[in-house]
Protein backbone atom coordinates (compact mmCIF):
# COMPACT_ATOMS: atom_id res chain seq x y z
CA MET A 1 0.07 0.24 -0.10
CA THR A 2 0.74 3.64 -0.72
CA PRO A 3 2.35 5.52 2.39
CA PRO A 4 -0.91 8.44 2.87
CA ASP A 5 1.89 10.58 2.49
CA ILE A 6 3.37 9.49 -1.03
CA LEU A 7 -0.31 10.05 -2.41
CA ALA A 8 -0.90 13.22 -1.15
CA ARG A 9 2.73 14.08 -3.10
CA ILE A 10 0.80 12.45 -6.59
CA GLU A 11 -2.65 13.48 -6.35
CA ASN A 12 -2.67 16.62 -8.30
CA TRP A 13 0.20 15.11 -11.04
CA PRO A 14 -1.07 14.57 -14.41
CA ALA A 15 -2.86 11.10 -15.21
CA ASN A 16 0.33 9.94 -17.38
CA ALA A 17 2.64 10.31 -14.13
CA GLN A 18 0.58 9.46 -11.98
CA LYS A 19 0.38 6.33 -14.00
CA HIS A 20 4.58 5.97 -14.85
CA PHE A 21 4.91 6.51 -11.34
CA ALA A 22 2.44 3.68 -9.91
CA ARG A 23 4.08 0.99 -12.70
CA THR A 24 7.85 2.49 -10.84
CA ARG A 25 6.73 1.54 -7.74
CA CYS A 26 5.81 -1.69 -9.33
CA ILE A 27 8.88 -1.97 -10.42
CA VAL A 28 10.97 -1.00 -7.58
CA HIS A 29 9.37 -3.29 -4.89
CA ASP A 30 9.26 -6.46 -7.32
CA ILE A 31 12.95 -5.75 -7.68
CA ALA A 32 13.19 -5.41 -3.19
CA GLU A 33 11.29 -8.89 -3.71
CA THR A 34 13.61 -10.62 -6.09
CA ALA A 35 16.91 -9.46 -6.37
CA ASP A 36 16.86 -10.19 -1.79
CA ILE A 37 17.14 -6.32 -1.33
CA GLY A 38 14.99 -6.75 1.62
CA ALA A 39 11.95 -4.59 2.60
CA LEU A 40 12.23 -1.30 1.91
CA ASP A 41 11.36 2.61 3.09
CA GLU A 42 9.37 4.08 1.43
CA ALA A 43 9.01 7.75 2.29
CA LEU A 44 9.36 11.04 1.08
CA LYS A 45 12.70 12.78 0.83
CA TRP A 46 13.02 16.17 -0.44
CA GLY A 47 9.58 16.48 -0.73
CA GLN A 48 10.04 13.69 -3.89
CA PRO A 49 8.87 10.13 -3.47
CA ALA A 50 11.60 7.75 -2.59
CA TRP A 51 12.55 3.98 -1.83
CA ARG A 52 15.80 2.84 0.03
CA PRO A 53 16.88 -0.46 0.91
CA LYS A 54 16.27 -0.61 5.18
CA ARG A 55 19.46 -2.58 5.57
CA PRO A 56 22.48 -0.83 5.50
CA ARG A 57 25.03 -1.15 2.79
CA VAL A 58 22.81 -2.84 0.49
CA GLY A 59 21.59 0.39 -2.15
CA SER A 60 20.78 3.42 -2.38
CA THR A 61 17.89 5.79 -2.81
CA LEU A 62 15.87 6.53 -5.62
CA ARG A 63 13.54 8.75 -5.86
CA VAL A 64 10.67 10.28 -8.76
CA ASP A 65 9.21 13.43 -9.04
CA TRP A 66 7.10 15.07 -11.58
CA SER A 67 7.29 19.34 -11.59
CA PRO A 68 5.29 21.61 -13.39
CA THR A 69 8.89 23.19 -14.60
CA THR A 70 9.36 19.48 -16.60
CA PRO A 71 6.11 18.89 -17.34
CA ASP A 72 6.84 15.93 -20.38
CA ARG A 73 8.70 14.23 -17.65
CA LEU A 74 9.01 11.58 -14.52
CA LEU A 75 12.45 12.80 -13.45
CA ALA A 76 13.71 9.96 -11.60
CA PHE A 77 16.65 11.07 -9.08
CA VAL A 78 19.61 9.00 -7.81
CA ASP A 79 22.43 9.88 -5.34
CA CYS A 80 25.09 12.46 -7.74
CA LYS A 81 28.21 10.36 -5.39
CA THR A 82 27.57 7.74 -7.30
CA ASP A 83 27.91 6.76 -10.95
CA LEU A 84 24.56 5.28 -11.41
CA ALA A 85 23.14 8.30 -14.07
CA GLN A 86 26.31 7.95 -16.08
CA GLN A 87 25.53 3.89 -16.23
CA MET A 88 22.03 4.57 -17.75
CA ASP A 89 23.72 7.11 -20.61
CA THR A 90 25.96 3.76 -21.65
CA ARG A 91 23.23 1.59 -21.46
CA PHE A 92 20.93 3.41 -22.77
CA PRO A 93 22.40 6.15 -24.82
CA GLY A 94 20.18 9.19 -25.79
CA GLN A 95 17.76 7.29 -25.06
CA PHE A 96 15.95 9.62 -22.06
CA HIS A 97 16.73 13.66 -20.54
CA ASN A 98 20.15 12.39 -18.31
CA ASP A 99 22.07 14.51 -16.78
CA GLY A 100 25.25 12.17 -16.35
CA ARG A 101 24.99 13.48 -12.38
CA ARG A 102 21.60 12.38 -10.77
CA ALA A 103 18.79 13.30 -12.45
CA LEU A 104 16.82 10.68 -15.51
CA GLY A 105 13.68 12.17 -17.34
CA PHE A 106 11.34 9.84 -19.10
CA ALA A 107 8.85 11.10 -21.21
CA LEU A 108 5.12 10.98 -20.17
CA ASN A 109 3.90 11.23 -23.83
CA THR A 110 5.71 7.34 -24.28
CA PRO A 111 4.86 4.12 -22.96
CA LEU A 112 7.27 4.16 -19.64
CA ASP A 113 10.73 2.00 -20.84
CA GLU A 114 10.11 -0.64 -18.21
CA ASP A 115 13.20 -2.30 -18.89
CA ALA A 116 15.34 1.05 -18.27
CA VAL A 117 13.17 1.69 -15.41
CA TRP A 118 13.87 -2.36 -13.72
CA GLN A 119 17.97 -1.37 -14.65
CA LEU A 120 18.23 1.99 -12.49
CA ALA A 121 15.55 0.48 -9.45
CA HIS A 122 18.51 -2.87 -9.87
CA LEU A 123 21.56 -0.51 -10.14
CA THR A 124 20.31 1.71 -7.48
CA LEU A 125 19.00 -0.42 -5.12
CA THR A 126 21.65 -3.13 -4.68
CA TYR A 127 24.04 -0.50 -5.71
CA HIS A 128 26.40 -0.56 -2.13
CA ARG A 129 26.30 -4.29 -1.97
CA ALA A 130 27.33 -4.74 -6.16
CA LYS A 131 30.44 -2.62 -5.42
CA ARG A 132 31.08 -5.27 -2.24
CA LEU A 133 31.13 -8.10 -4.41
CA SER A 134 32.99 -5.96 -7.58
C-alpha cells in the first residue's frame, strides 16, 4: 500500500505521471523481493517519493518526481556521488533526458520504458552490495 504522504504528493500530478509512477513503484517493489534486497523504506525524501533498502550497505536511494517546470517527463533521481546516471547513459545512450549526474527523465508522452526503469531501480537498490562484490 502506498504511504498516505506519497499519495498526497502525487494526487495533483497529470494522469500520465501518476501512471508512470505507479508502474515504477511496482517495479521497485518487485526488485526488492526478487533481488534479495529486503524491506524498503518508502517515504518522501526532499519532498519526493523515494525508496531505499532498510538494510544498511545494500543500496542507494531512488527518488522520483514530477514538476511543472518539466511537465513532459517524470524525473528519477539517484545519489550524485554515485555513477548510476552515467551507467544508465551507457546502457541507454540518448534514450531519455540524463543530466549525467543524478537526474534521468522519462517522457510522459510515450509508454514507460520498463526495462530502463528496471535496470535503474536494480542498479540503485543494489548499489553498495554490488560495489562490495566487484
